[in-house]
Amino acid sequence: MQMAITFMAVVAGMVFSLAVALLVEEIIFGQVFRLLFTSGPRASGKLARQTIAVKSGSER
């Protein structure tokens, strides 16, 4: 039982450390969440449409 509690404390500490690190990085640079939310399947489709629009515009 002691081992399980120690393991849970270590995992909770690592998760908390990661959360604080992400928060500090977001405050300093402000890019992490924008990157996470724009990397979905809709973002790649939007990027593909923008690329096609730029290519078709340059052929004139």
Protein backbone atom coordinates (compact mmCIF):
# COMPACT_ATOMS: atom_id res chain seq x y z
CA MET A 1 0.00 0.00 0.00
CA GLN A 2 2.87 2.35 0.81
CA MET A 3 4.33 1.68 -2.64
CA ALA A 4 1.02 2.59 -4.35
CA ILE A 5 0.75 5.85 -2.43
CA THR A 6 4.35 6.73 -3.27
CA PHE A 7 3.73 5.95 -6.95
CA MET A 8 0.58 8.12 -6.99
CA ALA A 9 2.47 10.99 -5.33
CA VAL A 10 5.26 10.77 -7.91
CA VAL A 11 2.83 10.72 -10.83
CA ALA A 12 0.84 13.63 -9.37
CA GLY A 13 4.05 15.60 -8.90
CA MET A 14 5.10 14.99 -12.51
CA VAL A 15 1.69 16.03 -13.85
CA PHE A 16 1.72 19.16 -11.70
CA SER A 17 5.25 19.98 -12.87
CA LEU A 18 4.23 19.60 -16.51
CA ALA A 19 1.16 21.80 -15.99
CA VAL A 20 3.24 24.55 -14.38
CA ALA A 21 5.86 24.32 -17.14
CA LEU A 22 3.17 24.65 -19.84
CA LEU A 23 1.60 27.59 -18.04
CA VAL A 24 4.92 29.43 -17.72
CA GLU A 25 5.76 28.72 -21.37
CA GLU A 26 2.35 29.99 -22.45
CA ILE A 27 2.79 33.17 -20.43
CA ILE A 28 6.27 33.80 -21.86
CA PHE A 29 5.81 32.77 -25.50
CA GLY A 30 2.06 32.26 -26.00
CA GLN A 31 2.34 29.64 -28.75
CA VAL A 32 1.71 26.19 -27.24
CA PHE A 33 -2.10 26.19 -27.11
CA ARG A 34 -2.41 27.84 -30.51
CA LEU A 35 -0.21 25.07 -31.91
CA LEU A 36 -2.23 22.33 -30.18
CA PHE A 37 -5.59 23.67 -31.33
CA THR A 38 -4.56 24.28 -34.95
CA SER A 39 -2.96 20.87 -35.52
CA GLY A 40 -6.28 19.04 -35.99
CA PRO A 41 -7.66 17.65 -39.25
CA ARG A 42 -9.54 20.88 -40.02
CA ALA A 43 -6.33 22.89 -39.85
CA SER A 44 -4.61 20.74 -42.46
CA GLY A 45 -7.60 21.15 -44.78
CA LYS A 46 -7.52 24.91 -44.28
CA LEU A 47 -3.79 24.95 -45.01
CA ALA A 48 -4.36 22.88 -48.16
CA ARG A 49 -7.08 25.30 -49.35
CA GLN A 50 -4.80 28.27 -48.72
CA THR A 51 -1.99 26.58 -50.64
CA ILE A 52 -4.29 25.86 -53.59
CA ALA A 53 -5.58 29.43 -53.58
CA VAL A 54 -2.04 30.82 -53.60
CA LYS A 55 -0.97 28.49 -56.41
CA SER A 56 -4.02 29.26 -58.54
CA GLY A 57 -3.55 32.99 -57.95
CA SER A 58 0.08 32.88 -59.11
CA GLU A 59 -0.77 31.28 -62.51
CA ARG A 60 -2.40 34.41 -63.87
